[in-house]
Protein backbone atom coordinates (compact mmCIF):
# COMPACT_ATOMS: atom_id res chain seq x y z
CA ASP A 1 17.30 -44.30 7.03
CA LYS A 2 14.21 -44.84 7.85
CA PHE A 3 13.56 -41.42 9.33
CA LYS A 4 15.05 -39.75 6.18
CA GLN A 5 12.86 -42.32 3.55
CA LYS A 6 9.94 -41.17 5.63
CA GLY A 7 10.63 -37.24 5.18
CA LEU A 8 11.07 -37.63 1.47
CA ASP A 9 8.09 -39.48 0.93
CA LEU A 10 6.19 -37.12 2.81
CA LEU A 11 8.05 -34.18 0.64
CA ARG A 12 7.39 -36.07 -2.84
CA SER A 13 3.32 -36.50 -1.78
CA LEU A 14 2.98 -32.61 -0.94
CA ALA A 15 4.92 -31.89 -4.25
CA GLU A 16 3.15 -34.26 -6.10
CA GLU A 17 -0.47 -32.40 -5.06
CA ALA A 18 0.72 -28.95 -5.44
CA THR A 19 1.50 -30.01 -8.71
CA THR A 20 -1.93 -31.52 -9.21
CA ALA A 21 -3.48 -27.85 -7.92
CA GLY A 22 -1.38 -26.44 -10.86
CA VAL A 23 1.42 -24.75 -8.23
CA ASP A 24 4.98 -25.35 -9.44
CA ALA A 25 6.56 -27.33 -6.55
CA GLU A 26 10.35 -28.44 -5.70
CA PHE A 27 11.36 -29.82 -2.57
CA ILE A 28 14.67 -30.95 -0.90
CA GLN A 29 15.27 -32.57 2.53
CA ASP A 30 18.18 -30.82 4.37
CA PHE A 31 19.89 -30.84 8.25
CA GLY A 32 21.42 -28.40 9.98
CA ASN A 33 20.09 -25.17 11.18
CA PRO A 34 16.97 -24.54 9.93
CA GLY A 35 16.44 -20.88 9.69
CA VAL A 36 19.90 -20.63 7.66
CA THR A 37 19.22 -23.72 5.86
CA ILE A 38 15.85 -22.21 5.16
CA CYS A 39 17.18 -18.72 3.95
CA GLN A 40 20.01 -20.08 1.68
CA GLN A 41 17.92 -22.40 -0.04
CA ALA A 42 15.67 -19.44 -0.93
CA LEU A 43 18.48 -17.39 -2.10
CA LEU A 44 19.36 -20.67 -4.29
CA TRP A 45 16.47 -20.70 -5.63
CA SER A 46 15.99 -16.89 -6.25
CA ALA A 47 12.60 -17.68 -4.61
CA ASP A 48 9.85 -14.75 -4.20
CA LEU A 49 7.97 -15.75 -1.30
CA ILE A 50 8.73 -17.86 1.87
CA LEU A 51 5.46 -19.60 4.11
CA ILE A 52 6.82 -20.82 7.00
CA GLY A 53 4.52 -21.85 9.99
CA SER A 54 4.86 -20.61 13.53
CA ARG A 55 4.06 -21.98 16.97
CA GLY A 56 3.73 -18.85 18.47
CA LEU A 57 6.35 -19.48 21.10
CA THR A 58 6.97 -16.06 23.22
CA GLY A 59 9.11 -15.25 26.14
CA VAL A 60 11.20 -18.09 27.89
CA LYS A 61 10.31 -20.46 25.49
CA GLU A 62 11.40 -18.41 22.36
CA ILE A 63 14.51 -17.53 24.02
CA PHE A 64 15.04 -21.01 25.09
CA LEU A 65 13.51 -23.08 22.22
CA GLY A 66 14.38 -20.20 19.45
CA SER A 67 12.09 -18.86 16.60
CA VAL A 68 12.81 -20.39 13.13
CA SER A 69 9.86 -18.03 11.61
CA ASN A 70 11.40 -15.27 13.34
CA TYR A 71 15.30 -15.73 12.15
CA VAL A 72 13.89 -16.26 8.65
CA THR A 73 11.79 -12.97 8.81
CA HIS A 74 14.71 -11.39 9.40
CA HIS A 75 17.57 -12.48 7.32
CA ALA A 76 15.45 -14.04 4.32
CA PRO A 77 16.40 -12.85 0.63
CA CYS A 78 12.68 -12.45 0.12
CA SER A 79 9.23 -11.84 1.47
CA VAL A 80 8.09 -14.49 4.35
CA LEU A 81 4.51 -14.77 4.88
CA ILE A 82 3.89 -16.30 8.52
CA VAL A 83 1.24 -19.02 9.34
CA ARG A 84 -0.10 -19.12 12.91
CA GLU A 85 -1.86 -21.67 14.75
CA THR A 86 -4.82 -20.56 15.23
CA HIS A 87 -5.61 -23.09 18.29
CA ASN A 88 -3.41 -20.89 20.53
CA LEU A 89 -5.09 -17.64 19.55
CA ASN A 90 -8.42 -16.65 21.83
CA SER A 91 -11.46 -15.44 20.11
CA ASP A 92 -10.42 -11.84 20.36
CA SER A 93 -7.02 -11.99 18.31
CA LEU A 94 -9.52 -14.32 15.54
CA GLN A 95 -11.69 -11.70 15.42
CA GLN A 96 -9.26 -8.75 14.89
CA GLN A 97 -7.09 -10.84 12.23
CA GLU A 98 -10.24 -11.06 10.47
CA LYS A 99 -11.46 -7.62 10.44
CA SER A 100 -7.86 -6.72 9.52
CA ALA A 101 -8.00 -9.19 6.90
CA SER A 102 -11.49 -7.97 5.63
CA SER A 103 -9.97 -4.19 5.16
CA ILE A 104 -6.80 -5.37 2.91
CA PRO A 105 -8.07 -4.18 -0.58
């Protein structure tokens, strides 16, 4: 129960912060398969976009640990934007990303 309450408190705080910044925000705390749950909720909310983080797992780690962002990308009813951790990227990758971002009109 304490764990559930901590999660709800965090979500409530983040939703309030978003609302203060002028962004409409709703939240739920649900349990189960994360990828499936995210896609189902996006469908229920008629979401336009899912913003999801990625730890950048590849190879054997991804096979054994799975990839929620990969599942969501392939099953979501809307667009998906993946935010990757930058500390796992080397400077060449960051420079390539910056060049790509700057060339977007």
